[in-house]
Each structure stands twice: as C-alpha cells, then as structure tokens.
Amino acid sequence: MSVIDTPQGPLALPPTQPEVLDIEKDVLESDLELEMWHGMRDGYRQQYIELFNDKQRRRYQDTVSGGEVVYDVARHAQQQVVWHTPARLPEEVVHGIRRSAAKLFKVQFGDVQRGGWW
C-alpha cells in the first residue's frame, strides 16, 4: 500500500496482494495423479492406490515441517509469488482501505509513505 502527497491531497494507490504458489506441492499432486492412473490401469483397487497416495502426502508434509527429505523435489524447489493489484477484495473494501490510508497519511506522514499493514 503506497500513499503519495499531491497538490490535491494524499493519493492512496490500490493495495497489492501477494499470492505464494507452492510449486513443490503441485508437482507432488501431479505425480500422485499419475500413480493413481498407472495403478488403475494395472488393475489395483482404488482404495489401495488412495492409501498409498495419502501416505505420500503425509511424508511430504513431514518434509515441509522439518522432517527428513523423503520426496525429491530439489529439481522443483522454488516458490513463485504472483502479485495482484488491486488486491482481490470486493471493490468497496479496496476503496475503504484506500480512504483510510489517505486519512492516516494526512494525520501522520508527509510526502511519501508505504506500508504493508492493510
């Protein structure tokens, strides 16, 4: 959220919302879907395939929470951030945030102000 001082008064720019994409989890889910397809093609019962996939998901969660590395995601070890401007909020909420930021700017700050507090 950025606010600049203009001759007409403070101008609050639209808030920006970051979205973190978990590439590693997406890769795992794709691999598990492929395993399910192979298992069904080879005649395994769906309940056993789902048990296997649930076990793999738990192992992945253990890895993410600090356990030993059990799923090789090093080749995909990246997170991407997508920025949405304006933030994906209802329009009236975005306008409310901008109005509040402009009022706070008028009382507290001068020239330029940036905050990640909305």
C-alpha atoms as a PDB file:
ATOM      1  CA  MET A   1       0.000   0.000   0.000  1.00  0.00           C
ATOM      2  CA  SER A   2       1.555   3.267  -1.081  1.00  0.00           C
ATOM      3  CA  VAL A   3       0.359   6.812  -0.499  1.00  0.00           C
ATOM      4  CA  ILE A   4       1.777   9.910  -2.165  1.00  0.00           C
ATOM      5  CA  ASP A   5       1.183  13.566  -1.419  1.00  0.00           C
ATOM      6  CA  THR A   6      -0.261  15.541  -4.305  1.00  0.00           C
ATOM      7  CA  PRO A   7      -1.338  19.193  -4.544  1.00  0.00           C
ATOM      8  CA  GLN A   8      -4.953  17.961  -4.236  1.00  0.00           C
ATOM      9  CA  GLY A   9      -4.125  15.945  -1.092  1.00  0.00           C
ATOM     10  CA  PRO A  10      -2.945  12.410  -0.333  1.00  0.00           C
ATOM     11  CA  LEU A  11      -3.480   9.790  -3.025  1.00  0.00           C
ATOM     12  CA  ALA A  12      -3.597   6.166  -1.896  1.00  0.00           C
ATOM     13  CA  LEU A  13      -2.627   3.750  -4.640  1.00  0.00           C
ATOM     14  CA  PRO A  14      -4.509   0.451  -4.885  1.00  0.00           C
ATOM     15  CA  PRO A  15      -3.348  -2.203  -2.398  1.00  0.00           C
ATOM     16  CA  THR A  16      -1.326  -5.114  -3.731  1.00  0.00           C
ATOM     17  CA  GLN A  17      -1.900  -8.703  -2.624  1.00  0.00           C
ATOM     18  CA  PRO A  18       0.848 -11.356  -2.838  1.00  0.00           C
ATOM     19  CA  GLU A  19      -0.075 -14.967  -3.585  1.00  0.00           C
ATOM     20  CA  VAL A  20       2.574 -17.617  -2.920  1.00  0.00           C
ATOM     21  CA  LEU A  21       2.377 -20.601  -5.255  1.00  0.00           C
ATOM     22  CA  ASP A  22       3.719 -23.897  -3.882  1.00  0.00           C
ATOM     23  CA  ILE A  23       5.348 -25.479  -6.911  1.00  0.00           C
ATOM     24  CA  GLU A  24       6.623 -28.484  -4.936  1.00  0.00           C
ATOM     25  CA  LYS A  25       3.129 -29.406  -3.781  1.00  0.00           C
ATOM     26  CA  ASP A  26       1.760 -29.045  -7.314  1.00  0.00           C
ATOM     27  CA  VAL A  27       4.470 -31.388  -8.615  1.00  0.00           C
ATOM     28  CA  LEU A  28       3.680 -33.934  -5.887  1.00  0.00           C
ATOM     29  CA  GLU A  29      -0.046 -33.830  -6.661  1.00  0.00           C
ATOM     30  CA  SER A  30       0.645 -34.319 -10.383  1.00  0.00           C
ATOM     31  CA  ASP A  31       2.910 -37.290  -9.620  1.00  0.00           C
ATOM     32  CA  LEU A  32       0.261 -38.814  -7.358  1.00  0.00           C
ATOM     33  CA  GLU A  33      -2.414 -38.418 -10.034  1.00  0.00           C
ATOM     34  CA  LEU A  34      -0.128 -40.202 -12.477  1.00  0.00           C
ATOM     35  CA  GLU A  35       0.476 -43.014  -9.934  1.00  0.00           C
ATOM     36  CA  MET A  36      -3.293 -43.364  -9.497  1.00  0.00           C
ATOM     37  CA  TRP A  37      -3.766 -43.637 -13.249  1.00  0.00           C
ATOM     38  CA  HIS A  38      -0.989 -46.247 -13.552  1.00  0.00           C
ATOM     39  CA  GLY A  39      -2.394 -48.239 -10.625  1.00  0.00           C
ATOM     40  CA  MET A  40      -5.906 -48.278 -12.054  1.00  0.00           C
ATOM     41  CA  ARG A  41      -4.555 -49.206 -15.477  1.00  0.00           C
ATOM     42  CA  ASP A  42      -2.614 -52.110 -13.909  1.00  0.00           C
ATOM     43  CA  GLY A  43      -5.716 -53.345 -12.077  1.00  0.00           C
ATOM     44  CA  TYR A  44      -5.021 -52.252  -8.490  1.00  0.00           C
ATOM     45  CA  ARG A  45      -8.008 -51.414  -6.330  1.00  0.00           C
ATOM     46  CA  GLN A  46      -8.652 -47.715  -5.968  1.00  0.00           C
ATOM     47  CA  GLN A  47      -8.712 -47.918  -2.157  1.00  0.00           C
ATOM     48  CA  TYR A  48      -5.117 -49.231  -2.111  1.00  0.00           C
ATOM     49  CA  ILE A  49      -3.951 -46.568  -4.514  1.00  0.00           C
ATOM     50  CA  GLU A  50      -5.569 -43.872  -2.356  1.00  0.00           C
ATOM     51  CA  LEU A  51      -3.892 -45.307   0.761  1.00  0.00           C
ATOM     52  CA  PHE A  52      -0.533 -45.115  -0.989  1.00  0.00           C
ATOM     53  CA  ASN A  53      -1.170 -41.533  -2.124  1.00  0.00           C
ATOM     54  CA  ASP A  54      -2.282 -40.492   1.382  1.00  0.00           C
ATOM     55  CA  LYS A  55       0.940 -41.954   2.783  1.00  0.00           C
ATOM     56  CA  GLN A  56       2.982 -39.997   0.212  1.00  0.00           C
ATOM     57  CA  ARG A  57       1.144 -36.770   1.112  1.00  0.00           C
ATOM     58  CA  ARG A  58       1.888 -37.300   4.822  1.00  0.00           C
ATOM     59  CA  ARG A  59       5.557 -37.913   4.023  1.00  0.00           C
ATOM     60  CA  TYR A  60       5.596 -34.674   2.019  1.00  0.00           C
ATOM     61  CA  GLN A  61       4.022 -32.786   4.940  1.00  0.00           C
ATOM     62  CA  ASP A  62       6.694 -34.199   7.269  1.00  0.00           C
ATOM     63  CA  THR A  63       9.341 -32.928   4.870  1.00  0.00           C
ATOM     64  CA  VAL A  64       7.812 -29.456   4.710  1.00  0.00           C
ATOM     65  CA  SER A  65       7.502 -29.247   8.502  1.00  0.00           C
ATOM     66  CA  GLY A  66      11.198 -30.028   9.050  1.00  0.00           C
ATOM     67  CA  GLY A  67      11.451 -33.802   8.873  1.00  0.00           C
ATOM     68  CA  GLU A  68      13.910 -35.691   6.693  1.00  0.00           C
ATOM     69  CA  VAL A  69      13.666 -35.266   2.949  1.00  0.00           C
ATOM     70  CA  VAL A  70      11.637 -38.182   1.633  1.00  0.00           C
ATOM     71  CA  TYR A  71      10.403 -36.790  -1.676  1.00  0.00           C
ATOM     72  CA  ASP A  72      12.926 -35.499  -4.170  1.00  0.00           C
ATOM     73  CA  VAL A  73      11.676 -32.063  -5.097  1.00  0.00           C
ATOM     74  CA  ALA A  74      15.088 -30.416  -5.367  1.00  0.00           C
ATOM     75  CA  ARG A  75      14.681 -30.008  -9.117  1.00  0.00           C
ATOM     76  CA  HIS A  76      11.415 -28.160  -8.447  1.00  0.00           C
ATOM     77  CA  ALA A  77      12.478 -26.406  -5.242  1.00  0.00           C
ATOM     78  CA  GLN A  78      11.051 -22.997  -5.875  1.00  0.00           C
ATOM     79  CA  GLN A  79       8.173 -20.891  -4.833  1.00  0.00           C
ATOM     80  CA  GLN A  80       6.693 -18.266  -7.044  1.00  0.00           C
ATOM     81  CA  VAL A  81       4.873 -15.161  -5.963  1.00  0.00           C
ATOM     82  CA  VAL A  82       2.105 -13.640  -8.037  1.00  0.00           C
ATOM     83  CA  TRP A  83       1.174 -10.051  -7.213  1.00  0.00           C
ATOM     84  CA  HIS A  84      -2.420  -8.886  -7.655  1.00  0.00           C
ATOM     85  CA  THR A  85      -3.033  -5.128  -7.987  1.00  0.00           C
ATOM     86  CA  PRO A  86      -5.560  -4.183  -6.879  1.00  0.00           C
ATOM     87  CA  ALA A  87      -5.901  -6.821  -4.197  1.00  0.00           C
ATOM     88  CA  ARG A  88      -8.530  -9.483  -4.861  1.00  0.00           C
ATOM     89  CA  LEU A  89     -11.056  -7.995  -2.481  1.00  0.00           C
ATOM     90  CA  PRO A  90     -14.511  -6.549  -3.030  1.00  0.00           C
ATOM     91  CA  GLU A  91     -14.315  -3.117  -4.622  1.00  0.00           C
ATOM     92  CA  GLU A  92     -15.878  -1.381  -1.616  1.00  0.00           C
ATOM     93  CA  VAL A  93     -13.217  -2.928   0.678  1.00  0.00           C
ATOM     94  CA  VAL A  94     -10.403  -1.704  -1.596  1.00  0.00           C
ATOM     95  CA  HIS A  95     -11.896   1.806  -1.609  1.00  0.00           C
ATOM     96  CA  GLY A  96     -12.238   1.685   2.191  1.00  0.00           C
ATOM     97  CA  ILE A  97      -8.582   0.696   2.559  1.00  0.00           C
ATOM     98  CA  ARG A  98      -7.501   3.495   0.242  1.00  0.00           C
ATOM     99  CA  ARG A  99      -9.634   6.105   2.056  1.00  0.00           C
ATOM    100  CA  SER A 100      -8.306   5.005   5.452  1.00  0.00           C
ATOM    101  CA  ALA A 101      -4.699   5.070   4.229  1.00  0.00           C
ATOM    102  CA  ALA A 102      -5.151   8.588   2.815  1.00  0.00           C
ATOM    103  CA  LYS A 103      -6.645   9.814   6.114  1.00  0.00           C
ATOM    104  CA  LEU A 104      -3.820   8.246   8.128  1.00  0.00           C
ATOM    105  CA  PHE A 105      -1.278   9.766   5.774  1.00  0.00           C
ATOM    106  CA  LYS A 106      -2.800  13.223   6.227  1.00  0.00           C
ATOM    107  CA  VAL A 107      -2.519  12.918  10.030  1.00  0.00           C
ATOM    108  CA  GLN A 108       0.750  11.009  10.439  1.00  0.00           C
ATOM    109  CA  PHE A 109       3.077  11.377   7.476  1.00  0.00           C
ATOM    110  CA  GLY A 110       4.276  13.648   4.703  1.00  0.00           C
ATOM    111  CA  ASP A 111       5.496  13.386   1.101  1.00  0.00           C
ATOM    112  CA  VAL A 112       5.551   9.600   0.524  1.00  0.00           C
ATOM    113  CA  GLN A 113       4.534   6.688   2.703  1.00  0.00           C
ATOM    114  CA  ARG A 114       4.467   2.946   2.099  1.00  0.00           C
ATOM    115  CA  GLY A 115       3.074   0.328   4.452  1.00  0.00           C
ATOM    116  CA  GLY A 116       2.303  -3.357   4.473  1.00  0.00           C
ATOM    117  CA  TRP A 117      -0.317  -3.043   7.170  1.00  0.00           C
ATOM    118  CA  TRP A 118      -3.651  -3.307   5.440  1.00  0.00           C
END
